[in-house]
N, C-alpha and C. Protein backbone atom coordinates (compact mmCIF):
# COMPACT_ATOMS: atom_id res chain seq x y z
N MET A 1 -1.69 39.31 34.71
CA MET A 1 -0.30 38.54 34.34
C MET A 1 -0.69 37.24 34.22
N ASN A 2 -0.24 36.39 33.24
CA ASN A 2 -0.57 35.15 33.03
C ASN A 2 0.65 34.35 33.42
N LEU A 3 0.59 33.49 34.31
CA LEU A 3 2.14 32.87 34.57
C LEU A 3 1.98 31.58 33.93
N LEU A 4 0.98 31.17 33.50
CA LEU A 4 0.78 29.49 32.91
C LEU A 4 1.54 29.61 31.53
N GLY A 5 1.52 30.70 30.91
CA GLY A 5 2.10 30.48 29.60
C GLY A 5 3.32 31.04 29.30
N THR A 6 4.17 31.32 30.46
CA THR A 6 5.59 31.86 30.32
C THR A 6 6.64 30.76 30.27
N LYS A 7 7.72 31.29 30.32
CA LYS A 7 8.86 30.16 29.95
C LYS A 7 9.25 30.12 31.70
N THR A 8 8.96 31.09 32.68
CA THR A 8 9.34 30.65 34.00
C THR A 8 8.50 29.61 34.27
N ALA A 9 7.15 29.25 34.05
CA ALA A 9 6.20 28.23 34.25
C ALA A 9 6.56 27.11 33.74
N LEU A 10 7.21 26.98 32.62
CA LEU A 10 7.63 25.95 31.72
C LEU A 10 8.98 25.48 32.32
N GLY A 11 9.85 26.26 32.95
CA GLY A 11 11.26 26.06 33.65
C GLY A 11 10.88 25.21 34.87
N ILE A 12 9.81 25.65 35.61
CA ILE A 12 9.33 25.12 36.67
C ILE A 12 8.96 23.66 36.56
N ILE A 13 8.15 23.58 35.61
CA ILE A 13 7.49 22.27 34.97
C ILE A 13 8.66 21.42 34.63
N ALA A 14 9.50 21.68 33.98
CA ALA A 14 10.60 20.85 33.41
C ALA A 14 11.37 20.50 34.62
N GLY A 15 11.55 21.44 35.69
CA GLY A 15 12.42 20.85 36.74
C GLY A 15 11.91 19.90 37.48
N VAL A 16 10.60 20.13 37.97
CA VAL A 16 9.86 18.95 38.46
C VAL A 16 9.81 17.89 37.68
N ILE A 17 9.58 17.62 36.38
CA ILE A 17 9.75 16.65 35.70
C ILE A 17 11.29 15.47 35.65
N VAL A 18 12.25 16.62 35.39
CA VAL A 18 13.52 16.16 35.75
C VAL A 18 13.89 15.38 37.23
N ALA A 19 13.44 16.18 38.10
CA ALA A 19 13.64 15.74 39.38
C ALA A 19 12.80 14.41 39.50
N PHE A 20 11.58 14.21 39.00
CA PHE A 20 10.82 13.00 39.45
C PHE A 20 11.52 11.85 38.60
N PHE A 21 12.31 12.15 37.46
CA PHE A 21 12.94 11.12 36.92
C PHE A 21 14.45 10.82 37.70
N VAL A 22 15.03 11.86 38.24
CA VAL A 22 16.13 11.33 38.83
C VAL A 22 15.95 10.89 40.25
N THR A 23 15.22 11.05 41.01
CA THR A 23 14.82 10.32 42.19
C THR A 23 13.39 9.96 42.43
N PHE A 24 13.23 8.92 43.18
CA PHE A 24 11.77 8.52 43.26
C PHE A 24 11.37 8.40 44.92
N GLY A 25 11.01 9.45 45.25
CA GLY A 25 10.48 9.44 46.74
C GLY A 25 11.49 9.93 47.90
N GLY A 26 10.98 10.10 49.11
CA GLY A 26 11.94 9.97 50.27
C GLY A 26 12.73 11.62 50.36
N TRP A 27 13.09 11.88 51.56
CA TRP A 27 13.87 13.26 51.63
C TRP A 27 14.42 13.58 50.50
N PRO A 28 15.36 12.77 50.26
CA PRO A 28 16.17 13.12 49.34
C PRO A 28 15.83 13.72 48.10
N GLY A 29 14.53 12.71 47.76
CA GLY A 29 13.83 13.15 46.20
C GLY A 29 13.15 14.39 46.53
N LEU A 30 12.55 14.78 47.73
CA LEU A 30 12.25 15.84 47.72
C LEU A 30 13.16 17.29 47.58
N LEU A 31 14.46 16.92 48.49
CA LEU A 31 15.34 17.95 48.25
C LEU A 31 15.81 18.16 46.59
N TRP A 32 15.86 17.06 45.95
CA TRP A 32 16.43 17.25 44.41
C TRP A 32 14.94 17.87 43.95
N LEU A 33 13.68 17.54 44.09
CA LEU A 33 12.75 18.39 43.58
C LEU A 33 12.85 19.94 43.68
N LEU A 34 12.80 20.21 44.87
CA LEU A 34 13.13 21.50 45.33
C LEU A 34 14.26 22.27 44.59
N LEU A 35 15.37 21.48 44.52
CA LEU A 35 16.71 22.25 44.02
C LEU A 35 16.23 22.22 42.22
N PHE A 36 15.64 21.48 41.55
CA PHE A 36 15.47 21.44 40.09
C PHE A 36 14.22 22.34 39.85
N VAL A 37 13.34 22.60 40.81
CA VAL A 37 12.28 23.64 40.72
C VAL A 37 13.05 25.06 40.57
N ALA A 38 13.70 25.27 41.56
CA ALA A 38 14.37 26.35 41.59
C ALA A 38 15.28 26.74 40.34
N ILE A 39 16.10 26.00 40.04
CA ILE A 39 16.99 25.81 38.80
C ILE A 39 16.05 26.12 37.61
N GLY A 40 15.05 25.52 37.45
CA GLY A 40 14.08 25.82 36.22
C GLY A 40 13.46 27.21 36.46
N GLY A 41 13.11 27.55 37.64
CA GLY A 41 12.46 29.05 37.58
C GLY A 41 13.28 29.86 37.39
N VAL A 42 14.60 29.92 37.91
CA VAL A 42 15.57 30.92 37.63
C VAL A 42 15.86 30.99 35.94
N ILE A 43 16.06 29.57 35.46
CA ILE A 43 16.23 29.88 34.11
C ILE A 43 15.39 30.32 33.10
N GLY A 44 14.12 29.96 33.65
CA GLY A 44 12.91 30.44 32.77
C GLY A 44 12.58 31.82 32.74
N ALA A 45 12.89 32.35 34.30
CA ALA A 45 12.76 33.83 34.39
C ALA A 45 13.88 34.75 33.48
N GLN A 46 15.22 33.85 33.64
CA GLN A 46 16.19 34.71 32.50
C GLN A 46 15.43 35.01 31.11
N LEU A 47 14.87 33.54 30.94
CA LEU A 47 14.41 33.59 29.15
C LEU A 47 13.30 34.63 29.05
N ASP A 48 12.58 34.87 30.09
CA ASP A 48 11.25 35.65 30.19
C ASP A 48 11.91 37.50 30.08
N GLY A 49 12.99 37.50 30.58
CA GLY A 49 13.59 38.79 30.69
C GLY A 49 13.35 39.29 32.12
N ARG A 50 12.90 38.55 33.00
CA ARG A 50 12.34 39.04 34.33
C ARG A 50 13.71 39.30 35.40
N VAL A 51 14.78 38.34 34.97
CA VAL A 51 15.86 38.27 35.82
C VAL A 51 17.05 38.56 35.02
N ASP A 52 18.17 39.14 35.42
CA ASP A 52 19.55 39.23 34.31
C ASP A 52 20.67 38.48 35.28
N ILE A 53 20.65 36.98 35.01
CA ILE A 53 21.81 36.48 35.75
C ILE A 53 23.14 36.89 35.74
N ALA A 54 23.62 37.59 34.35
CA ALA A 54 24.81 38.12 34.53
C ALA A 54 24.76 39.16 35.35
N GLU A 55 24.18 39.94 35.28
CA GLU A 55 24.10 41.18 36.26
C GLU A 55 24.32 40.91 37.77
N ILE A 56 23.59 39.71 38.22
CA ILE A 56 23.60 39.23 39.39
C ILE A 56 25.06 38.65 39.73
N ILE A 57 25.55 37.89 38.89
CA ILE A 57 27.02 37.30 39.08
C ILE A 57 27.76 38.63 39.13
N SER A 58 27.88 39.33 38.36
CA SER A 58 29.03 40.49 38.31
C SER A 58 28.69 41.15 39.65
N ALA A 59 27.48 41.59 39.78
CA ALA A 59 27.30 42.08 41.35
C ALA A 59 27.79 41.50 42.24
N GLY A 60 27.66 40.24 42.61
CA GLY A 60 28.13 39.19 43.43
C GLY A 60 29.45 38.83 43.53
N SER A 61 30.21 39.30 42.19
CA SER A 61 32.05 39.11 42.45
C SER A 61 32.48 40.64 42.48
N GLY A 62 31.86 41.57 42.58
CA GLY A 62 32.02 42.86 42.99
C GLY A 62 32.42 43.76 41.72
N ARG A 63 32.54 43.33 40.84
CA ARG A 63 32.57 43.75 39.34
C ARG A 63 31.26 44.39 38.81
N GLY A 64 31.43 45.65 38.38
CA GLY A 64 30.58 46.30 37.92
C GLY A 64 30.27 46.31 36.12
N ARG A 65 29.07 45.95 35.78
CA ARG A 65 29.05 45.75 34.34
C ARG A 65 29.08 47.11 33.45
N SER A 66 30.01 46.67 32.47
CA SER A 66 30.31 47.88 31.47
C SER A 66 29.59 47.64 30.30
């Protein structure tokens, strides 16, 4: 499996770039970096079809998907 060409990898890279431009250094910068990387990874995994965010949200709210 080649992770470098996937949308998940692109989402993570985009998250790193956005976090870099939002903050510059320090502990708050590190926390923003981790947050944006996680968000970018989840969005990329959704686009790759690895996760289904709608399924996760409906399971978390207690409603079954019809």
